[in-house]
Amino acid sequence: MTPPASDMSDLSLDQIVELERRAEQRDADGGDDGDAPAEFGGGGDDDEIVLPWWQHPMNIVTMVVTAAILAAMIGWMAGDNNSRTNHSDVDTGFLQDMRVHHEQAVLMSLIYRTLPDTDPGLRTIARSIVVGQSIEVGRMIQLLRDYGESEVNESDTSMQWMGMVGGQASMPGMATEDELEQLGRLQGREADELFVRLMSDHHVGGIEMAEFAAQEAKTDEVRLMAASMAEAQRGELVEMANQLE
């Protein structure tokens, strides 16, 4: 029986972590599920864990891809001739720069998820960043196409849309190449701490950009998108800090 949609939102972070751990353990054991608490579908040593369809790894991938396609379709259908003339430099600059900002957050999260002995809760947060910000990148690209603008910032500087005269070489909160390389060499608690530090700085910078766009962008869609991004990243800041306690 398919669970109601509310079941997904009712899962706690600890339950999601446990489901991820058991899925990884099944992969490592070649499908041997072992013991499972009753709330995760197990009933003892001989019971097989049967996850609901919406928690199966392959179905999660399918849903992510479907969501990305739907986001692109919605963006295409929402575009009209007026949107090409009614947007502003803030709309364009935010979408171009935040796209690059998001792409680094996705890369950082993917690097972290390959590292050994890291915190399960932080791995879940990193996965959420990969999925959520990848979908948002798709939406931003589609809006730039709707506006008839370049999908990338073709200048040597960024942040001019925030009133920074002459712009600047990089966006706030961006990690350096050396920091990303350092993260890729770590494991365990050291990797957890560096990931949280880099991603927290990254989110603080992203929130600064998003809050400005939420107030100053001309189009409703960009303002609403920016406000949603800021809210989501503030929540992830709290979650990451709590996981290190």
C-alpha atoms as a PDB file:
ATOM      1  CA  MET A   1       0.000   0.000   0.000  1.00  0.00           C
ATOM      2  CA  THR A   2       1.431   3.382  -0.964  1.00  0.00           C
ATOM      3  CA  PRO A   3       2.026   5.589   2.108  1.00  0.00           C
ATOM      4  CA  PRO A   4       0.395   9.011   2.200  1.00  0.00           C
ATOM      5  CA  ALA A   5       2.606  11.918   1.201  1.00  0.00           C
ATOM      6  CA  SER A   6       2.585  13.170   4.789  1.00  0.00           C
ATOM      7  CA  ASP A   7       4.638  10.095   5.838  1.00  0.00           C
ATOM      8  CA  MET A   8       7.710  11.488   4.095  1.00  0.00           C
ATOM      9  CA  SER A   9       7.621  14.809   5.929  1.00  0.00           C
ATOM     10  CA  ASP A  10       7.018  12.999   9.238  1.00  0.00           C
ATOM     11  CA  LEU A  11      10.380  11.198   9.099  1.00  0.00           C
ATOM     12  CA  SER A  12      12.974  12.611  11.473  1.00  0.00           C
ATOM     13  CA  LEU A  13      16.606  13.165  10.501  1.00  0.00           C
ATOM     14  CA  ASP A  14      17.574  10.181  12.679  1.00  0.00           C
ATOM     15  CA  GLN A  15      15.132   7.933  10.810  1.00  0.00           C
ATOM     16  CA  ILE A  16      16.423   9.086   7.434  1.00  0.00           C
ATOM     17  CA  VAL A  17      19.999   8.452   8.593  1.00  0.00           C
ATOM     18  CA  GLU A  18      19.032   4.960   9.754  1.00  0.00           C
ATOM     19  CA  LEU A  19      17.398   4.191   6.405  1.00  0.00           C
ATOM     20  CA  GLU A  20      20.503   5.374   4.556  1.00  0.00           C
ATOM     21  CA  ARG A  21      22.750   3.298   6.813  1.00  0.00           C
ATOM     22  CA  ARG A  22      20.702   0.172   6.233  1.00  0.00           C
ATOM     23  CA  ALA A  23      20.612   0.742   2.481  1.00  0.00           C
ATOM     24  CA  GLU A  24      24.407   1.117   2.431  1.00  0.00           C
ATOM     25  CA  GLN A  25      24.776  -1.980   4.624  1.00  0.00           C
ATOM     26  CA  ARG A  26      22.610  -4.020   2.256  1.00  0.00           C
ATOM     27  CA  ASP A  27      24.795  -2.944  -0.660  1.00  0.00           C
ATOM     28  CA  ALA A  28      27.954  -3.881   1.251  1.00  0.00           C
ATOM     29  CA  ASP A  29      26.528  -7.269   2.324  1.00  0.00           C
ATOM     30  CA  GLY A  30      25.196  -8.132  -1.113  1.00  0.00           C
ATOM     31  CA  GLY A  31      21.573  -7.764  -0.091  1.00  0.00           C
ATOM     32  CA  ASP A  32      21.706  -9.220   3.463  1.00  0.00           C
ATOM     33  CA  ASP A  33      19.405  -7.017   5.519  1.00  0.00           C
ATOM     34  CA  GLY A  34      20.142  -8.319   9.006  1.00  0.00           C
ATOM     35  CA  ASP A  35      18.089  -7.125  11.956  1.00  0.00           C
ATOM     36  CA  ALA A  36      15.657  -4.263  11.500  1.00  0.00           C
ATOM     37  CA  PRO A  37      13.546  -2.462  14.070  1.00  0.00           C
ATOM     38  CA  ALA A  38       9.828  -2.759  13.549  1.00  0.00           C
ATOM     39  CA  GLU A  39       9.406   0.849  12.501  1.00  0.00           C
ATOM     40  CA  PHE A  40      11.717   0.255   9.521  1.00  0.00           C
ATOM     41  CA  GLY A  41       9.913  -2.832   8.338  1.00  0.00           C
ATOM     42  CA  GLY A  42      11.851  -5.602  10.125  1.00  0.00           C
ATOM     43  CA  GLY A  43      10.586  -8.152  12.569  1.00  0.00           C
ATOM     44  CA  GLY A  44      13.639 -10.150  13.638  1.00  0.00           C
ATOM     45  CA  ASP A  45      16.797 -11.933  12.461  1.00  0.00           C
ATOM     46  CA  ASP A  46      15.060 -13.707   9.569  1.00  0.00           C
ATOM     47  CA  ASP A  47      12.916 -10.822   8.384  1.00  0.00           C
ATOM     48  CA  GLU A  48      13.774  -8.987   5.205  1.00  0.00           C
ATOM     49  CA  ILE A  49      13.631  -5.189   5.338  1.00  0.00           C
ATOM     50  CA  VAL A  50      11.126  -4.018   2.758  1.00  0.00           C
ATOM     51  CA  LEU A  51      11.335  -0.276   2.284  1.00  0.00           C
ATOM     52  CA  PRO A  52       8.337   1.641   0.957  1.00  0.00           C
ATOM     53  CA  TRP A  53       8.666   2.429  -2.741  1.00  0.00           C
ATOM     54  CA  TRP A  54       9.445   6.099  -2.044  1.00  0.00           C
ATOM     55  CA  GLN A  55      12.478   5.157   0.100  1.00  0.00           C
ATOM     56  CA  HIS A  56      14.076   2.720  -2.352  1.00  0.00           C
ATOM     57  CA  PRO A  57      17.366   4.211  -3.684  1.00  0.00           C
ATOM     58  CA  MET A  58      16.485   3.608  -7.339  1.00  0.00           C
ATOM     59  CA  ASN A  59      13.068   5.212  -6.924  1.00  0.00           C
ATOM     60  CA  ILE A  60      14.648   8.189  -5.141  1.00  0.00           C
ATOM     61  CA  VAL A  61      16.910   8.727  -8.162  1.00  0.00           C
ATOM     62  CA  THR A  62      13.906   8.454 -10.474  1.00  0.00           C
ATOM     63  CA  MET A  63      11.968  11.000  -8.429  1.00  0.00           C
ATOM     64  CA  VAL A  64      14.908  13.423  -8.427  1.00  0.00           C
ATOM     65  CA  VAL A  65      15.259  13.217 -12.207  1.00  0.00           C
ATOM     66  CA  THR A  66      11.503  13.596 -12.632  1.00  0.00           C
ATOM     67  CA  ALA A  67      11.456  16.621 -10.332  1.00  0.00           C
ATOM     68  CA  ALA A  68      14.255  18.254 -12.318  1.00  0.00           C
ATOM     69  CA  ILE A  69      12.385  17.664 -15.590  1.00  0.00           C
ATOM     70  CA  LEU A  70       9.156  19.004 -14.120  1.00  0.00           C
ATOM     71  CA  ALA A  71      10.958  22.087 -12.782  1.00  0.00           C
ATOM     72  CA  ALA A  72      12.342  22.779 -16.246  1.00  0.00           C
ATOM     73  CA  MET A  73       8.913  22.275 -17.848  1.00  0.00           C
ATOM     74  CA  ILE A  74       7.234  24.583 -15.339  1.00  0.00           C
ATOM     75  CA  GLY A  75       9.878  27.225 -15.967  1.00  0.00           C
ATOM     76  CA  TRP A  76       9.333  26.939 -19.720  1.00  0.00           C
ATOM     77  CA  MET A  77       5.559  27.162 -19.437  1.00  0.00           C
ATOM     78  CA  ALA A  78       5.765  30.150 -17.084  1.00  0.00           C
ATOM     79  CA  GLY A  79       7.889  32.137 -19.516  1.00  0.00           C
ATOM     80  CA  ASP A  80       6.222  34.630 -21.810  1.00  0.00           C
ATOM     81  CA  ASN A  81       7.192  37.552 -24.005  1.00  0.00           C
ATOM     82  CA  ASN A  82       6.705  40.053 -21.198  1.00  0.00           C
ATOM     83  CA  SER A  83       9.246  38.271 -18.980  1.00  0.00           C
ATOM     84  CA  ARG A  84      11.971  39.121 -21.480  1.00  0.00           C
ATOM     85  CA  THR A  85      11.389  42.852 -20.974  1.00  0.00           C
ATOM     86  CA  ASN A  86      10.250  43.094 -17.368  1.00  0.00           C
ATOM     87  CA  HIS A  87      13.249  41.616 -15.575  1.00  0.00           C
ATOM     88  CA  SER A  88      16.136  43.709 -14.261  1.00  0.00           C
ATOM     89  CA  ASP A  89      19.905  43.494 -13.853  1.00  0.00           C
ATOM     90  CA  VAL A  90      19.315  42.185 -10.335  1.00  0.00           C
ATOM     91  CA  ASP A  91      17.249  39.266 -11.658  1.00  0.00           C
ATOM     92  CA  THR A  92      19.874  38.396 -14.262  1.00  0.00           C
ATOM     93  CA  GLY A  93      22.913  38.882 -12.030  1.00  0.00           C
ATOM     94  CA  PHE A  94      21.436  36.911  -9.172  1.00  0.00           C
ATOM     95  CA  LEU A  95      20.491  33.964 -11.372  1.00  0.00           C
ATOM     96  CA  GLN A  96      23.893  33.870 -13.082  1.00  0.00           C
ATOM     97  CA  ASP A  97      25.978  34.226  -9.928  1.00  0.00           C
ATOM     98  CA  MET A  98      23.824  32.060  -7.668  1.00  0.00           C
ATOM     99  CA  ARG A  99      23.957  29.313 -10.267  1.00  0.00           C
ATOM    100  CA  VAL A 100      27.757  29.194  -9.893  1.00  0.00           C
ATOM    101  CA  HIS A 101      27.439  29.498  -6.109  1.00  0.00           C
ATOM    102  CA  HIS A 102      25.061  26.514  -6.025  1.00  0.00           C
ATOM    103  CA  GLU A 103      27.278  24.443  -8.302  1.00  0.00           C
ATOM    104  CA  GLN A 104      30.148  24.712  -5.831  1.00  0.00           C
ATOM    105  CA  ALA A 105      27.883  23.693  -2.929  1.00  0.00           C
ATOM    106  CA  VAL A 106      26.848  20.601  -4.906  1.00  0.00           C
ATOM    107  CA  LEU A 107      30.496  19.790  -5.694  1.00  0.00           C
ATOM    108  CA  MET A 108      31.524  20.233  -2.061  1.00  0.00           C
ATOM    109  CA  SER A 109      28.708  17.954  -0.903  1.00  0.00           C
ATOM    110  CA  LEU A 110      29.598  15.274  -3.460  1.00  0.00           C
ATOM    111  CA  ILE A 111      33.237  15.355  -2.337  1.00  0.00           C
ATOM    112  CA  TYR A 112      32.204  15.021   1.298  1.00  0.00           C
ATOM    113  CA  ARG A 113      29.925  12.059   0.605  1.00  0.00           C
ATOM    114  CA  THR A 114      32.858  10.095  -0.862  1.00  0.00           C
ATOM    115  CA  LEU A 115      34.942  10.426   2.319  1.00  0.00           C
ATOM    116  CA  PRO A 116      35.206   7.523   4.801  1.00  0.00           C
ATOM    117  CA  ASP A 117      33.940   7.438   8.384  1.00  0.00           C
ATOM    118  CA  THR A 118      31.937  10.649   8.176  1.00  0.00           C
ATOM    119  CA  ASP A 119      28.886  11.565  10.230  1.00  0.00           C
ATOM    120  CA  PRO A 120      25.664   9.933   8.910  1.00  0.00           C
ATOM    121  CA  GLY A 121      23.566  12.986   9.715  1.00  0.00           C
ATOM    122  CA  LEU A 122      25.920  15.298   7.854  1.00  0.00           C
ATOM    123  CA  ARG A 123      25.941  12.884   4.921  1.00  0.00           C
ATOM    124  CA  THR A 124      22.144  13.159   4.802  1.00  0.00           C
ATOM    125  CA  ILE A 125      22.346  16.954   4.854  1.00  0.00           C
ATOM    126  CA  ALA A 126      24.954  16.839   2.068  1.00  0.00           C
ATOM    127  CA  ARG A 127      22.650  14.649  -0.021  1.00  0.00           C
ATOM    128  CA  SER A 128      19.814  17.122   0.527  1.00  0.00           C
ATOM    129  CA  ILE A 129      22.063  19.951  -0.693  1.00  0.00           C
ATOM    130  CA  VAL A 130      23.008  17.967  -3.807  1.00  0.00           C
ATOM    131  CA  VAL A 131      19.392  17.234  -4.696  1.00  0.00           C
ATOM    132  CA  GLY A 132      17.834  20.558  -3.745  1.00  0.00           C
ATOM    133  CA  GLN A 133      20.450  22.872  -5.198  1.00  0.00           C
ATOM    134  CA  SER A 134      20.786  20.829  -8.407  1.00  0.00           C
ATOM    135  CA  ILE A 135      17.067  21.312  -9.023  1.00  0.00           C
ATOM    136  CA  GLU A 136      17.385  25.026  -8.269  1.00  0.00           C
ATOM    137  CA  VAL A 137      20.267  25.298 -10.761  1.00  0.00           C
ATOM    138  CA  GLY A 138      17.952  23.869 -13.410  1.00  0.00           C
ATOM    139  CA  ARG A 139      15.271  26.417 -12.549  1.00  0.00           C
ATOM    140  CA  MET A 140      17.754  29.300 -12.707  1.00  0.00           C
ATOM    141  CA  ILE A 141      19.064  28.219 -16.109  1.00  0.00           C
ATOM    142  CA  GLN A 142      15.513  27.987 -17.441  1.00  0.00           C
ATOM    143  CA  LEU A 143      14.636  31.472 -16.179  1.00  0.00           C
ATOM    144  CA  LEU A 144      17.749  32.934 -17.807  1.00  0.00           C
ATOM    145  CA  ARG A 145      16.662  31.333 -21.075  1.00  0.00           C
ATOM    146  CA  ASP A 146      13.168  32.743 -20.653  1.00  0.00           C
ATOM    147  CA  TYR A 147      14.637  36.195 -20.090  1.00  0.00           C
ATOM    148  CA  GLY A 148      16.824  35.894 -23.179  1.00  0.00           C
ATOM    149  CA  GLU A 149      19.965  36.242 -21.049  1.00  0.00           C
ATOM    150  CA  SER A 150      23.235  34.324 -21.050  1.00  0.00           C
ATOM    151  CA  GLU A 151      23.217  31.289 -18.764  1.00  0.00           C
ATOM    152  CA  VAL A 152      26.577  32.354 -17.304  1.00  0.00           C
ATOM    153  CA  ASN A 153      28.138  35.586 -16.146  1.00  0.00           C
ATOM    154  CA  GLU A 154      30.493  36.336 -19.008  1.00  0.00           C
ATOM    155  CA  SER A 155      32.369  39.129 -17.220  1.00  0.00           C
ATOM    156  CA  ASP A 156      35.494  38.678 -15.100  1.00  0.00           C
ATOM    157  CA  THR A 157      33.721  39.906 -11.983  1.00  0.00           C
ATOM    158  CA  SER A 158      30.542  39.162 -10.071  1.00  0.00           C
ATOM    159  CA  MET A 159      28.169  40.837  -7.638  1.00  0.00           C
ATOM    160  CA  GLN A 160      27.709  44.084  -9.608  1.00  0.00           C
ATOM    161  CA  TRP A 161      23.965  43.451  -9.357  1.00  0.00           C
ATOM    162  CA  MET A 162      24.254  44.024  -5.590  1.00  0.00           C
ATOM    163  CA  GLY A 163      25.604  47.513  -6.186  1.00  0.00           C
ATOM    164  CA  MET A 164      29.254  46.595  -5.705  1.00  0.00           C
ATOM    165  CA  VAL A 165      31.022  49.107  -7.938  1.00  0.00           C
ATOM    166  CA  GLY A 166      33.280  47.270 -10.342  1.00  0.00           C
ATOM    167  CA  GLY A 167      32.159  43.932  -8.939  1.00  0.00           C
ATOM    168  CA  GLN A 168      34.495  41.489  -7.238  1.00  0.00           C
ATOM    169  CA  ALA A 169      36.531  38.473  -8.258  1.00  0.00           C
ATOM    170  CA  SER A 170      34.441  35.945  -6.345  1.00  0.00           C
ATOM    171  CA  MET A 171      31.140  35.611  -4.549  1.00  0.00           C
ATOM    172  CA  PRO A 172      30.805  35.625  -0.738  1.00  0.00           C
ATOM    173  CA  GLY A 173      31.383  32.313   0.985  1.00  0.00           C
ATOM    174  CA  MET A 174      33.030  30.536  -1.946  1.00  0.00           C
ATOM    175  CA  ALA A 175      35.648  27.946  -0.962  1.00  0.00           C
ATOM    176  CA  THR A 176      39.080  28.075  -2.590  1.00  0.00           C
ATOM    177  CA  GLU A 177      40.493  25.270  -4.712  1.00  0.00           C
ATOM    178  CA  ASP A 178      42.996  24.528  -1.933  1.00  0.00           C
ATOM    179  CA  GLU A 179      40.184  24.167   0.603  1.00  0.00           C
ATOM    180  CA  LEU A 180      38.284  21.763  -1.655  1.00  0.00           C
ATOM    181  CA  GLU A 181      41.432  19.707  -2.187  1.00  0.00           C
ATOM    182  CA  GLN A 182      42.047  19.639   1.558  1.00  0.00           C
ATOM    183  CA  LEU A 183      38.501  18.413   2.180  1.00  0.00           C
ATOM    184  CA  GLY A 184      39.018  15.594  -0.304  1.00  0.00           C
ATOM    185  CA  ARG A 185      42.030  14.311   1.651  1.00  0.00           C
ATOM    186  CA  LEU A 186      40.322  14.072   5.037  1.00  0.00           C
ATOM    187  CA  GLN A 187      38.166  11.493   6.774  1.00  0.00           C
ATOM    188  CA  GLY A 188      36.166  11.043   9.946  1.00  0.00           C
ATOM    189  CA  ARG A 189      35.738  13.906  12.402  1.00  0.00           C
ATOM    190  CA  GLU A 190      38.275  16.119  10.602  1.00  0.00           C
ATOM    191  CA  ALA A 191      36.260  15.844   7.383  1.00  0.00           C
ATOM    192  CA  ASP A 192      33.023  16.566   9.277  1.00  0.00           C
ATOM    193  CA  GLU A 193      34.438  19.719  10.850  1.00  0.00           C
ATOM    194  CA  LEU A 194      35.929  21.114   7.640  1.00  0.00           C
ATOM    195  CA  PHE A 195      32.782  20.349   5.644  1.00  0.00           C
ATOM    196  CA  VAL A 196      30.606  22.156   8.181  1.00  0.00           C
ATOM    197  CA  ARG A 197      32.969  25.139   8.298  1.00  0.00           C
ATOM    198  CA  LEU A 198      33.206  25.483   4.515  1.00  0.00           C
ATOM    199  CA  MET A 199      29.499  24.870   3.899  1.00  0.00           C
ATOM    200  CA  SER A 200      28.462  27.205   6.707  1.00  0.00           C
ATOM    201  CA  ASP A 201      30.567  30.024   5.238  1.00  0.00           C
ATOM    202  CA  HIS A 202      29.131  29.148   1.840  1.00  0.00           C
ATOM    203  CA  HIS A 203      25.556  29.307   3.121  1.00  0.00           C
ATOM    204  CA  VAL A 204      26.130  32.619   4.921  1.00  0.00           C
ATOM    205  CA  GLY A 205      27.353  34.096   1.640  1.00  0.00           C
ATOM    206  CA  GLY A 206      24.449  32.562  -0.259  1.00  0.00           C
ATOM    207  CA  ILE A 207      21.934  33.928   2.239  1.00  0.00           C
ATOM    208  CA  GLU A 208      23.392  37.426   1.804  1.00  0.00           C
ATOM    209  CA  MET A 209      22.912  37.174  -1.969  1.00  0.00           C
ATOM    210  CA  ALA A 210      19.444  35.630  -1.728  1.00  0.00           C
ATOM    211  CA  GLU A 211      18.110  38.142   0.786  1.00  0.00           C
ATOM    212  CA  PHE A 212      19.192  41.032  -1.442  1.00  0.00           C
ATOM    213  CA  ALA A 213      17.502  39.466  -4.478  1.00  0.00           C
ATOM    214  CA  ALA A 214      14.362  38.709  -2.455  1.00  0.00           C
ATOM    215  CA  GLN A 215      14.020  42.459  -1.841  1.00  0.00           C
ATOM    216  CA  GLU A 216      15.415  44.009  -5.021  1.00  0.00           C
ATOM    217  CA  ALA A 217      14.662  41.635  -7.926  1.00  0.00           C
ATOM    218  CA  LYS A 218      11.979  42.837 -10.312  1.00  0.00           C
ATOM    219  CA  THR A 219      10.175  39.583 -11.097  1.00  0.00           C
ATOM    220  CA  ASP A 220       7.970  37.792  -8.594  1.00  0.00           C
ATOM    221  CA  GLU A 221       9.476  34.409  -9.435  1.00  0.00           C
ATOM    222  CA  VAL A 222      13.052  35.470  -8.694  1.00  0.00           C
ATOM    223  CA  ARG A 223      12.036  37.197  -5.460  1.00  0.00           C
ATOM    224  CA  LEU A 224      10.122  34.138  -4.250  1.00  0.00           C
ATOM    225  CA  MET A 225      12.897  31.763  -5.306  1.00  0.00           C
ATOM    226  CA  ALA A 226      15.528  33.847  -3.522  1.00  0.00           C
ATOM    227  CA  ALA A 227      13.466  34.019  -0.324  1.00  0.00           C
ATOM    228  CA  SER A 228      13.000  30.232  -0.395  1.00  0.00           C
ATOM    229  CA  MET A 229      16.735  29.690  -0.868  1.00  0.00           C
ATOM    230  CA  ALA A 230      17.591  31.919   2.090  1.00  0.00           C
ATOM    231  CA  GLU A 231      15.105  30.120   4.341  1.00  0.00           C
ATOM    232  CA  ALA A 232      16.357  26.656   3.343  1.00  0.00           C
ATOM    233  CA  GLN A 233      19.998  27.568   3.890  1.00  0.00           C
ATOM    234  CA  ARG A 234      19.294  29.104   7.293  1.00  0.00           C
ATOM    235  CA  GLY A 235      17.698  25.801   8.303  1.00  0.00           C
ATOM    236  CA  GLU A 236      20.671  23.804   7.038  1.00  0.00           C
ATOM    237  CA  LEU A 237      23.058  26.023   9.011  1.00  0.00           C
ATOM    238  CA  VAL A 238      21.258  25.036  12.216  1.00  0.00           C
ATOM    239  CA  GLU A 239      21.153  21.352  11.264  1.00  0.00           C
ATOM    240  CA  MET A 240      24.890  21.227  10.488  1.00  0.00           C
ATOM    241  CA  ALA A 241      25.796  22.959  13.753  1.00  0.00           C
ATOM    242  CA  ASN A 242      23.622  20.543  15.726  1.00  0.00           C
ATOM    243  CA  GLN A 243      25.267  17.510  14.132  1.00  0.00           C
ATOM    244  CA  LEU A 244      28.710  18.553  15.397  1.00  0.00           C
ATOM    245  CA  GLU A 245      27.584  18.967  19.008  1.00  0.00           C
END
